[in-house]
Every structure is written in C-alpha cells, then in structure tokens.
Amino acid sequence: MSWITDRTFFLFAVAFYGVSTIYSVFLWRKGFRQDNRVCYCLLAAGFGSHTLAMIGRGFSLSRCPVNNLYEATIFLEWTIVGAYLVLGAWSRLRFLGAFASPLLFGIGVFALMPSLDPPHGGTPHFEGGWASMHAASVLLAYGAFGLSSVAGLMYLTQERDLKVRKLRAVFSMFPPIQRLELIIGRLSAGGLILLTIGLAMGARYLKETDGVYWTKDAKILWSVIVWLMYSGLLLMRWKFALRGRRFVLGAVGGFTFVLLTFWGTNLLSAIHQN
C-alpha cells in the first residue's frame, strides 16, 4: 500500500516510544520496586518498526541511510534502542528503558519534522562502502554515548535516593551504583573506540575522493572535539582516579553536548549535505 512508507513505520516506532514514556511515569511513582517488562516490550516493538523504517529507507537509497538530518537522527536513535535491548536482557538493567523512553520519544518527534527530510534531489556526496561504514561506526558510537548517559541518569537517581535515605533505594531493582559506574565507563570506552574507527574511515574516504585526510569542515572539527572530550574523560578516569558523581556527570554532560550540537554542525557541514 502506497501510504505505508518508511516514515510511516518510523511514526509507529515513535508512538511506541511515547507509550513507553507514559508508562515510565508509573514506574517512577512506584519507585521501581518490581521487575517490570512492559517498558522493555514497548521499546522492543518500537525497535521492530524502527528497523523496518531503516530497511525501507536503506533499500530506497541502496546505501546506509544517513543522507540527511532525518536519516542520521533515526539511525542514532536506532542504535540507542538496540543497545538498550541488549543490556535490558539483564533484569537489573531493564529499568534503563524508563530513563531512555523520554529521550527516545523526544528525538523521534524532532526527527519527524518535515524540514529534516527534504525530497532527494540528486546524488548524495557521501557514497560508497567507506562512507557508509564511516557513518555507521560514528552513529553507533553516539548511540553508546547516549546509553551511557541514560545509565548516568539512573546512577544519579540512585545516589540521590541513598543520600536522602529513601526506602525506594533499599527496595529498588536498580543495580548497585558501583556497577552502574562500571557500565557507564565501558559504554563510553566502547563509544570512543567506534568513534575512532569511524573517523579513520572518514579520513580514508576523504583521501580517496579529495586527495586529503583532513579538511576544515564544521562536522569534522566537531567530531574531533567530541573525540577529545571523551578521550579526556576516560583518561581522567583511568589515570587520575576520576570516579563517582564527577565521572558520571562528565558522561551525561558529554552526551548532552552531542545531542544539542549534532544537528547544527550537520547543517553547517558542506560534505554532509546533499
């Protein structure tokens, strides 16, 4: 049926994320005192529809669907949901979904803005295997950073409850904050590795197409800043014993920066536009 397009499937996915957000409010009110699978199942259903949207758009372009802001945004969101579903298989991390749902719903609503997905009029500048692998690796990295930020919010909530001696912390299904910190560190490290691989692939692609490994493009400069930011955060953790709340705030703040500046730098980038 002609009315069912890749955007239609994505709209269904955003609807699932919205219902999960509403249900998350009830989990907060209950104090997370039971292992509830509803959020996980709602996000899994949304992920299925989201995947169909990605596949539909990818087949229509015959390439990795990251040709404009809409495609880059839904790819980023897809990686966050996918990573959550893997971690959420462990019941003690399943409530990450209650923290992730509002973020996913907000990103989804933003992605549906018509101005982010103009009609394709010409051949995208970024084509080929190197470009697709570059885009996929970088967006997977941002997905890992995003999930580490979500785990960070869970950590801060747990820490606050412990400080004020709320019984919710005693009966909570959350994992211990020490384990959450470990998870945040590993997700951030995994994201940094993926970002490094993605940037290397992007440099290789530029060498093949433009004869240079580096150019003063807004998105490239921004990506290097993000790489330096997370490298510095992890270096401070491993070499200078940055631990606990300060490290977690760094992870949350890092992804907040990514989230607030990602779309603007895409618009300023000449090589990431049609």
C-alpha atoms as a PDB file:
ATOM      1  CA  MET A   1       0.000   0.000   0.000  1.00  0.00           C
ATOM      2  CA  SER A   2       1.413   3.351  -1.095  1.00  0.00           C
ATOM      3  CA  TRP A   3       0.595   5.111   2.187  1.00  0.00           C
ATOM      4  CA  ILE A   4       2.855   2.762   4.131  1.00  0.00           C
ATOM      5  CA  THR A   5       6.312   4.271   3.729  1.00  0.00           C
ATOM      6  CA  ASP A   6       9.500   4.158   5.782  1.00  0.00           C
ATOM      7  CA  ARG A   7       8.323   7.326   7.562  1.00  0.00           C
ATOM      8  CA  THR A   8       5.062   5.576   8.440  1.00  0.00           C
ATOM      9  CA  PHE A   9       6.964   2.762  10.141  1.00  0.00           C
ATOM     10  CA  PHE A  10       9.071   5.327  11.988  1.00  0.00           C
ATOM     11  CA  LEU A  11       5.898   7.118  13.107  1.00  0.00           C
ATOM     12  CA  PHE A  12       4.672   3.819  14.577  1.00  0.00           C
ATOM     13  CA  ALA A  13       8.021   3.454  16.360  1.00  0.00           C
ATOM     14  CA  VAL A  14       7.739   6.944  17.868  1.00  0.00           C
ATOM     15  CA  ALA A  15       4.215   6.068  19.030  1.00  0.00           C
ATOM     16  CA  PHE A  16       5.584   3.027  20.887  1.00  0.00           C
ATOM     17  CA  TYR A  17       8.306   5.197  22.437  1.00  0.00           C
ATOM     18  CA  GLY A  18       5.610   7.659  23.507  1.00  0.00           C
ATOM     19  CA  VAL A  19       3.512   4.969  25.206  1.00  0.00           C
ATOM     20  CA  SER A  20       6.663   3.707  26.924  1.00  0.00           C
ATOM     21  CA  THR A  21       7.326   7.255  28.166  1.00  0.00           C
ATOM     22  CA  ILE A  22       3.844   7.475  29.657  1.00  0.00           C
ATOM     23  CA  TYR A  23       4.240   4.093  31.326  1.00  0.00           C
ATOM     24  CA  SER A  24       7.620   5.176  32.707  1.00  0.00           C
ATOM     25  CA  VAL A  25       5.807   7.784  34.791  1.00  0.00           C
ATOM     26  CA  PHE A  26       4.035   4.962  36.632  1.00  0.00           C
ATOM     27  CA  LEU A  27       7.338   3.195  37.229  1.00  0.00           C
ATOM     28  CA  TRP A  28       8.738   6.343  38.785  1.00  0.00           C
ATOM     29  CA  ARG A  29       5.693   6.653  41.035  1.00  0.00           C
ATOM     30  CA  LYS A  30       6.066   3.027  42.134  1.00  0.00           C
ATOM     31  CA  GLY A  31       9.715   3.602  42.987  1.00  0.00           C
ATOM     32  CA  PHE A  32      10.967   0.822  40.681  1.00  0.00           C
ATOM     33  CA  ARG A  33      10.192  -1.825  43.289  1.00  0.00           C
ATOM     34  CA  GLN A  34       9.437  -4.618  40.879  1.00  0.00           C
ATOM     35  CA  ASP A  35      10.923  -6.077  37.733  1.00  0.00           C
ATOM     36  CA  ASN A  36       8.545  -4.756  35.095  1.00  0.00           C
ATOM     37  CA  ARG A  37       8.933  -5.862  31.484  1.00  0.00           C
ATOM     38  CA  VAL A  38       6.319  -3.574  29.930  1.00  0.00           C
ATOM     39  CA  CYS A  39       8.778  -0.790  29.041  1.00  0.00           C
ATOM     40  CA  TYR A  40      11.171  -3.328  27.566  1.00  0.00           C
ATOM     41  CA  CYS A  41       8.455  -4.878  25.403  1.00  0.00           C
ATOM     42  CA  LEU A  42       7.186  -1.481  24.225  1.00  0.00           C
ATOM     43  CA  LEU A  43      10.672  -0.390  23.225  1.00  0.00           C
ATOM     44  CA  ALA A  44      11.247  -3.755  21.528  1.00  0.00           C
ATOM     45  CA  ALA A  45       8.062  -3.265  19.496  1.00  0.00           C
ATOM     46  CA  GLY A  46       9.184   0.247  18.613  1.00  0.00           C
ATOM     47  CA  PHE A  47      12.601  -1.086  17.635  1.00  0.00           C
ATOM     48  CA  GLY A  48      10.973  -3.568  15.252  1.00  0.00           C
ATOM     49  CA  SER A  49       9.015  -0.838  13.496  1.00  0.00           C
ATOM     50  CA  HIS A  50      12.060   1.422  13.592  1.00  0.00           C
ATOM     51  CA  THR A  51      14.131  -1.301  11.912  1.00  0.00           C
ATOM     52  CA  LEU A  52      11.568  -1.643   9.136  1.00  0.00           C
ATOM     53  CA  ALA A  53      11.821   2.123   8.589  1.00  0.00           C
ATOM     54  CA  MET A  54      15.599   1.883   8.380  1.00  0.00           C
ATOM     55  CA  ILE A  55      15.446  -1.034   5.963  1.00  0.00           C
ATOM     56  CA  GLY A  56      12.883   0.697   3.767  1.00  0.00           C
ATOM     57  CA  ARG A  57      14.923   3.887   3.543  1.00  0.00           C
ATOM     58  CA  GLY A  58      18.160   1.968   3.020  1.00  0.00           C
ATOM     59  CA  PHE A  59      16.764  -0.050   0.109  1.00  0.00           C
ATOM     60  CA  SER A  60      15.360   3.096  -1.497  1.00  0.00           C
ATOM     61  CA  LEU A  61      18.845   4.646  -1.461  1.00  0.00           C
ATOM     62  CA  SER A  62      20.867   1.438  -1.956  1.00  0.00           C
ATOM     63  CA  ARG A  63      23.205   2.645   0.773  1.00  0.00           C
ATOM     64  CA  CYS A  64      23.451   3.306   4.509  1.00  0.00           C
ATOM     65  CA  PRO A  65      20.540   5.710   5.235  1.00  0.00           C
ATOM     66  CA  VAL A  66      22.421   8.749   6.575  1.00  0.00           C
ATOM     67  CA  ASN A  67      21.921  11.157   3.690  1.00  0.00           C
ATOM     68  CA  ASN A  68      20.229  13.966   5.661  1.00  0.00           C
ATOM     69  CA  LEU A  69      19.384  15.006   9.209  1.00  0.00           C
ATOM     70  CA  TYR A  70      16.268  12.838   9.379  1.00  0.00           C
ATOM     71  CA  GLU A  71      18.174   9.714   8.381  1.00  0.00           C
ATOM     72  CA  ALA A  72      21.126  10.466  10.658  1.00  0.00           C
ATOM     73  CA  THR A  73      18.767  11.110  13.572  1.00  0.00           C
ATOM     74  CA  ILE A  74      16.742   7.918  13.176  1.00  0.00           C
ATOM     75  CA  PHE A  75      19.978   5.922  12.790  1.00  0.00           C
ATOM     76  CA  LEU A  76      21.315   7.451  16.013  1.00  0.00           C
ATOM     77  CA  GLU A  77      18.068   6.676  17.822  1.00  0.00           C
ATOM     78  CA  TRP A  78      18.018   3.133  16.442  1.00  0.00           C
ATOM     79  CA  THR A  79      21.485   2.419  17.864  1.00  0.00           C
ATOM     80  CA  ILE A  80      20.420   3.640  21.330  1.00  0.00           C
ATOM     81  CA  VAL A  81      17.325   1.407  21.352  1.00  0.00           C
ATOM     82  CA  GLY A  82      19.275  -1.583  20.050  1.00  0.00           C
ATOM     83  CA  ALA A  83      21.978  -1.198  22.688  1.00  0.00           C
ATOM     84  CA  TYR A  84      19.336  -0.876  25.402  1.00  0.00           C
ATOM     85  CA  LEU A  85      17.569  -4.057  24.295  1.00  0.00           C
ATOM     86  CA  VAL A  86      20.839  -5.962  24.625  1.00  0.00           C
ATOM     87  CA  LEU A  87      21.598  -4.593  28.092  1.00  0.00           C
ATOM     88  CA  GLY A  88      17.942  -4.814  29.137  1.00  0.00           C
ATOM     89  CA  ALA A  89      18.043  -8.577  28.727  1.00  0.00           C
ATOM     90  CA  TRP A  90      19.591  -8.424  32.220  1.00  0.00           C
ATOM     91  CA  SER A  91      16.690  -7.623  34.554  1.00  0.00           C
ATOM     92  CA  ARG A  92      18.761  -5.343  36.793  1.00  0.00           C
ATOM     93  CA  LEU A  93      19.367  -3.016  33.829  1.00  0.00           C
ATOM     94  CA  ARG A  94      15.881  -3.276  32.338  1.00  0.00           C
ATOM     95  CA  PHE A  95      14.780  -0.047  34.003  1.00  0.00           C
ATOM     96  CA  LEU A  96      17.202   1.856  31.802  1.00  0.00           C
ATOM     97  CA  GLY A  97      14.189   1.918  29.496  1.00  0.00           C
ATOM     98  CA  ALA A  98      12.276   4.154  31.900  1.00  0.00           C
ATOM     99  CA  PHE A  99      15.073   6.706  31.615  1.00  0.00           C
ATOM    100  CA  ALA A 100      15.647   6.197  27.891  1.00  0.00           C
ATOM    101  CA  SER A 101      11.999   6.402  26.785  1.00  0.00           C
ATOM    102  CA  PRO A 102      11.536  10.178  27.180  1.00  0.00           C
ATOM    103  CA  LEU A 103      14.827  10.783  25.367  1.00  0.00           C
ATOM    104  CA  LEU A 104      13.853   8.439  22.524  1.00  0.00           C
ATOM    105  CA  PHE A 105      10.400   9.960  22.227  1.00  0.00           C
ATOM    106  CA  GLY A 106      11.806  13.481  22.119  1.00  0.00           C
ATOM    107  CA  ILE A 107      14.387  12.597  19.468  1.00  0.00           C
ATOM    108  CA  GLY A 108      11.714  10.804  17.446  1.00  0.00           C
ATOM    109  CA  VAL A 109       9.331  13.762  17.480  1.00  0.00           C
ATOM    110  CA  PHE A 110      12.186  16.026  16.435  1.00  0.00           C
ATOM    111  CA  ALA A 111      13.167  13.687  13.577  1.00  0.00           C
ATOM    112  CA  LEU A 112       9.623  13.771  12.175  1.00  0.00           C
ATOM    113  CA  MET A 113       9.897  17.487  11.398  1.00  0.00           C
ATOM    114  CA  PRO A 114       9.388  17.709   7.605  1.00  0.00           C
ATOM    115  CA  SER A 115      12.271  20.147   7.131  1.00  0.00           C
ATOM    116  CA  LEU A 116      14.750  17.463   8.230  1.00  0.00           C
ATOM    117  CA  ASP A 117      13.802  15.144   5.371  1.00  0.00           C
ATOM    118  CA  PRO A 118      13.564  17.132   2.116  1.00  0.00           C
ATOM    119  CA  PRO A 119      12.945  15.240  -1.166  1.00  0.00           C
ATOM    120  CA  HIS A 120      16.085  13.672  -2.556  1.00  0.00           C
ATOM    121  CA  GLY A 121      17.192  15.748  -5.466  1.00  0.00           C
ATOM    122  CA  GLY A 122      20.469  14.394  -6.737  1.00  0.00           C
ATOM    123  CA  THR A 123      23.215  12.045  -5.782  1.00  0.00           C
ATOM    124  CA  PRO A 124      24.430  12.292  -2.188  1.00  0.00           C
ATOM    125  CA  HIS A 125      28.007  13.427  -1.778  1.00  0.00           C
ATOM    126  CA  PHE A 126      28.812  10.699   0.725  1.00  0.00           C
ATOM    127  CA  GLU A 127      28.610   7.428  -1.189  1.00  0.00           C
ATOM    128  CA  GLY A 128      30.346   4.079  -1.252  1.00  0.00           C
ATOM    129  CA  GLY A 129      31.449   1.494   1.254  1.00  0.00           C
ATOM    130  CA  TRP A 130      33.932   3.637   3.171  1.00  0.00           C
ATOM    131  CA  ALA A 131      31.388   6.407   3.621  1.00  0.00           C
ATOM    132  CA  SER A 132      28.645   4.027   4.774  1.00  0.00           C
ATOM    133  CA  MET A 133      30.972   2.290   7.251  1.00  0.00           C
ATOM    134  CA  HIS A 134      32.161   5.688   8.484  1.00  0.00           C
ATOM    135  CA  ALA A 135      28.608   6.877   9.099  1.00  0.00           C
ATOM    136  CA  ALA A 136      27.519   3.616  10.739  1.00  0.00           C
ATOM    137  CA  SER A 137      30.531   3.482  13.078  1.00  0.00           C
ATOM    138  CA  VAL A 138      30.201   7.112  14.145  1.00  0.00           C
ATOM    139  CA  LEU A 139      26.463   6.876  14.806  1.00  0.00           C
ATOM    140  CA  LEU A 140      26.926   3.614  16.723  1.00  0.00           C
ATOM    141  CA  ALA A 141      29.472   5.486  18.845  1.00  0.00           C
ATOM    142  CA  TYR A 142      26.953   8.216  19.604  1.00  0.00           C
ATOM    143  CA  GLY A 143      24.435   5.512  20.482  1.00  0.00           C
ATOM    144  CA  ALA A 144      26.874   4.065  23.030  1.00  0.00           C
ATOM    145  CA  PHE A 145      27.474   7.553  24.453  1.00  0.00           C
ATOM    146  CA  GLY A 146      23.727   8.067  24.657  1.00  0.00           C
ATOM    147  CA  LEU A 147      23.132   4.867  26.575  1.00  0.00           C
ATOM    148  CA  SER A 148      25.999   5.673  28.944  1.00  0.00           C
ATOM    149  CA  SER A 149      24.244   8.978  29.616  1.00  0.00           C
ATOM    150  CA  VAL A 150      20.977   7.155  30.337  1.00  0.00           C
ATOM    151  CA  ALA A 151      22.827   4.862  32.767  1.00  0.00           C
ATOM    152  CA  GLY A 152      24.310   8.008  34.281  1.00  0.00           C
ATOM    153  CA  LEU A 153      20.836   9.381  34.986  1.00  0.00           C
ATOM    154  CA  MET A 154      19.971   6.105  36.690  1.00  0.00           C
ATOM    155  CA  TYR A 155      23.169   6.409  38.763  1.00  0.00           C
ATOM    156  CA  LEU A 156      22.360   9.978  39.830  1.00  0.00           C
ATOM    157  CA  THR A 157      18.812   8.982  40.793  1.00  0.00           C
ATOM    158  CA  GLN A 158      20.069   6.047  42.841  1.00  0.00           C
ATOM    159  CA  GLU A 159      22.737   8.184  44.515  1.00  0.00           C
ATOM    160  CA  ARG A 160      20.233  10.881  45.429  1.00  0.00           C
ATOM    161  CA  ASP A 161      17.848   8.361  46.970  1.00  0.00           C
ATOM    162  CA  LEU A 162      20.663   6.897  49.037  1.00  0.00           C
ATOM    163  CA  LYS A 163      21.709  10.330  50.266  1.00  0.00           C
ATOM    164  CA  VAL A 164      18.221  11.240  51.424  1.00  0.00           C
ATOM    165  CA  ARG A 165      17.713   7.693  52.756  1.00  0.00           C
ATOM    166  CA  LYS A 166      14.613   6.995  50.766  1.00  0.00           C
ATOM    167  CA  LEU A 167      13.264   3.472  51.148  1.00  0.00           C
ATOM    168  CA  ARG A 168      12.905   3.389  47.375  1.00  0.00           C
ATOM    169  CA  ALA A 169      16.674   2.943  47.120  1.00  0.00           C
ATOM    170  CA  VAL A 170      16.572   0.000  49.531  1.00  0.00           C
ATOM    171  CA  PHE A 171      13.903  -1.898  47.613  1.00  0.00           C
ATOM    172  CA  SER A 172      14.960  -0.698  44.176  1.00  0.00           C
ATOM    173  CA  MET A 173      15.538  -3.103  41.299  1.00  0.00           C
ATOM    174  CA  PHE A 174      18.469  -0.939  40.175  1.00  0.00           C
ATOM    175  CA  PRO A 175      21.949  -2.479  40.149  1.00  0.00           C
ATOM    176  CA  PRO A 176      24.439  -1.091  42.697  1.00  0.00           C
ATOM    177  CA  ILE A 177      25.786   2.337  41.769  1.00  0.00           C
ATOM    178  CA  GLN A 178      29.325   0.897  41.593  1.00  0.00           C
ATOM    179  CA  ARG A 179      28.200  -1.470  38.838  1.00  0.00           C
ATOM    180  CA  LEU A 180      26.367   1.325  37.069  1.00  0.00           C
ATOM    181  CA  GLU A 181      29.561   3.361  37.085  1.00  0.00           C
ATOM    182  CA  LEU A 182      31.419   0.421  35.570  1.00  0.00           C
ATOM    183  CA  ILE A 183      28.779   0.095  32.847  1.00  0.00           C
ATOM    184  CA  ILE A 184      28.985   3.830  32.100  1.00  0.00           C
ATOM    185  CA  GLY A 185      32.754   3.561  31.762  1.00  0.00           C
ATOM    186  CA  ARG A 186      32.584   0.575  29.421  1.00  0.00           C
ATOM    187  CA  LEU A 187      29.896   2.133  27.228  1.00  0.00           C
ATOM    188  CA  SER A 188      31.909   5.335  26.980  1.00  0.00           C
ATOM    189  CA  ALA A 189      35.062   3.381  26.101  1.00  0.00           C
ATOM    190  CA  GLY A 190      33.195   1.328  23.503  1.00  0.00           C
ATOM    191  CA  GLY A 191      31.774   4.512  22.014  1.00  0.00           C
ATOM    192  CA  LEU A 192      35.230   6.076  21.838  1.00  0.00           C
ATOM    193  CA  ILE A 193      36.619   3.024  20.022  1.00  0.00           C
ATOM    194  CA  LEU A 194      33.772   3.125  17.493  1.00  0.00           C
ATOM    195  CA  LEU A 195      34.210   6.877  17.034  1.00  0.00           C
ATOM    196  CA  THR A 196      37.936   6.399  16.413  1.00  0.00           C
ATOM    197  CA  ILE A 197      37.225   3.735  13.790  1.00  0.00           C
ATOM    198  CA  GLY A 198      34.574   5.920  12.171  1.00  0.00           C
ATOM    199  CA  LEU A 199      36.856   8.947  11.977  1.00  0.00           C
ATOM    200  CA  ALA A 200      39.628   6.833  10.467  1.00  0.00           C
ATOM    201  CA  MET A 201      37.228   5.533   7.810  1.00  0.00           C
ATOM    202  CA  GLY A 202      36.065   9.078   7.100  1.00  0.00           C
ATOM    203  CA  ALA A 203      39.675  10.198   6.628  1.00  0.00           C
ATOM    204  CA  ARG A 204      40.279   7.306   4.237  1.00  0.00           C
ATOM    205  CA  TYR A 205      37.192   8.270   2.242  1.00  0.00           C
ATOM    206  CA  LEU A 206      38.321  11.903   2.003  1.00  0.00           C
ATOM    207  CA  LYS A 207      41.721  10.726   0.770  1.00  0.00           C
ATOM    208  CA  GLU A 208      40.083   8.685  -1.988  1.00  0.00           C
ATOM    209  CA  THR A 209      37.700  11.428  -3.109  1.00  0.00           C
ATOM    210  CA  ASP A 210      39.505  14.697  -2.379  1.00  0.00           C
ATOM    211  CA  GLY A 211      43.116  13.628  -2.009  1.00  0.00           C
ATOM    212  CA  VAL A 212      43.374  14.807   1.614  1.00  0.00           C
ATOM    213  CA  TYR A 213      42.894  13.207   5.027  1.00  0.00           C
ATOM    214  CA  TRP A 214      41.655  16.390   6.648  1.00  0.00           C
ATOM    215  CA  THR A 215      39.606  19.438   5.745  1.00  0.00           C
ATOM    216  CA  LYS A 216      38.259  22.346   7.796  1.00  0.00           C
ATOM    217  CA  ASP A 217      34.662  21.179   7.722  1.00  0.00           C
ATOM    218  CA  ALA A 218      32.350  22.029  10.640  1.00  0.00           C
ATOM    219  CA  LYS A 219      31.281  18.413  11.208  1.00  0.00           C
ATOM    220  CA  ILE A 220      34.834  17.096  11.114  1.00  0.00           C
ATOM    221  CA  LEU A 221      36.050  19.728  13.570  1.00  0.00           C
ATOM    222  CA  TRP A 222      33.082  18.980  15.843  1.00  0.00           C
ATOM    223  CA  SER A 223      33.761  15.231  15.700  1.00  0.00           C
ATOM    224  CA  VAL A 224      37.362  15.802  16.746  1.00  0.00           C
ATOM    225  CA  ILE A 225      36.155  17.925  19.667  1.00  0.00           C
ATOM    226  CA  VAL A 226      33.816  15.100  20.761  1.00  0.00           C
ATOM    227  CA  TRP A 227      36.685  12.589  20.435  1.00  0.00           C
ATOM    228  CA  LEU A 228      38.966  14.772  22.561  1.00  0.00           C
ATOM    229  CA  MET A 229      36.204  15.322  25.126  1.00  0.00           C
ATOM    230  CA  TYR A 230      35.552  11.603  25.691  1.00  0.00           C
ATOM    231  CA  SER A 231      39.242  10.741  25.490  1.00  0.00           C
ATOM    232  CA  GLY A 232      39.921  13.295  28.209  1.00  0.00           C
ATOM    233  CA  LEU A 233      37.076  11.974  30.348  1.00  0.00           C
ATOM    234  CA  LEU A 234      38.317   8.377  30.142  1.00  0.00           C
ATOM    235  CA  LEU A 235      41.939   9.434  30.658  1.00  0.00           C
ATOM    236  CA  MET A 236      40.922  11.274  33.808  1.00  0.00           C
ATOM    237  CA  ARG A 237      39.108   8.146  34.986  1.00  0.00           C
ATOM    238  CA  TRP A 238      41.929   5.679  34.349  1.00  0.00           C
ATOM    239  CA  LYS A 239      44.978   7.787  35.155  1.00  0.00           C
ATOM    240  CA  PHE A 240      43.763  10.367  37.652  1.00  0.00           C
ATOM    241  CA  ALA A 241      41.101   8.398  39.538  1.00  0.00           C
ATOM    242  CA  LEU A 242      38.099  10.435  38.391  1.00  0.00           C
ATOM    243  CA  ARG A 243      35.303   8.439  39.995  1.00  0.00           C
ATOM    244  CA  GLY A 244      31.731   8.545  41.159  1.00  0.00           C
ATOM    245  CA  ARG A 245      29.485  11.525  40.639  1.00  0.00           C
ATOM    246  CA  ARG A 246      32.054  13.665  38.820  1.00  0.00           C
ATOM    247  CA  PHE A 247      32.751  10.996  36.218  1.00  0.00           C
ATOM    248  CA  VAL A 248      29.042  10.291  35.738  1.00  0.00           C
ATOM    249  CA  LEU A 249      28.283  13.998  35.325  1.00  0.00           C
ATOM    250  CA  GLY A 250      31.016  14.113  32.699  1.00  0.00           C
ATOM    251  CA  ALA A 251      29.383  11.269  30.756  1.00  0.00           C
ATOM    252  CA  VAL A 252      25.916  12.848  30.993  1.00  0.00           C
ATOM    253  CA  GLY A 253      27.270  16.273  30.088  1.00  0.00           C
ATOM    254  CA  GLY A 254      29.238  14.863  27.155  1.00  0.00           C
ATOM    255  CA  PHE A 255      26.191  13.349  25.523  1.00  0.00           C
ATOM    256  CA  THR A 256      24.126  16.444  26.283  1.00  0.00           C
ATOM    257  CA  PHE A 257      26.695  18.409  24.279  1.00  0.00           C
ATOM    258  CA  VAL A 258      26.491  15.865  21.447  1.00  0.00           C
ATOM    259  CA  LEU A 259      22.699  15.964  21.461  1.00  0.00           C
ATOM    260  CA  LEU A 260      22.479  19.770  21.431  1.00  0.00           C
ATOM    261  CA  THR A 261      25.097  20.363  18.729  1.00  0.00           C
ATOM    262  CA  PHE A 262      24.795  17.321  16.447  1.00  0.00           C
ATOM    263  CA  TRP A 263      22.134  18.760  14.138  1.00  0.00           C
ATOM    264  CA  GLY A 264      23.583  22.265  13.942  1.00  0.00           C
ATOM    265  CA  THR A 265      27.011  21.059  12.852  1.00  0.00           C
ATOM    266  CA  ASN A 266      25.374  18.804  10.258  1.00  0.00           C
ATOM    267  CA  LEU A 267      23.675  21.854   8.750  1.00  0.00           C
ATOM    268  CA  LEU A 268      26.976  23.772   8.696  1.00  0.00           C
ATOM    269  CA  SER A 269      28.853  20.900   7.060  1.00  0.00           C
ATOM    270  CA  ALA A 270      29.355  21.107   3.308  1.00  0.00           C
ATOM    271  CA  ILE A 271      30.335  17.463   2.844  1.00  0.00           C
ATOM    272  CA  HIS A 272      27.388  16.107   4.878  1.00  0.00           C
ATOM    273  CA  GLN A 273      24.739  17.833   2.792  1.00  0.00           C
ATOM    274  CA  ASN A 274      23.044  16.665  -0.402  1.00  0.00           C
END
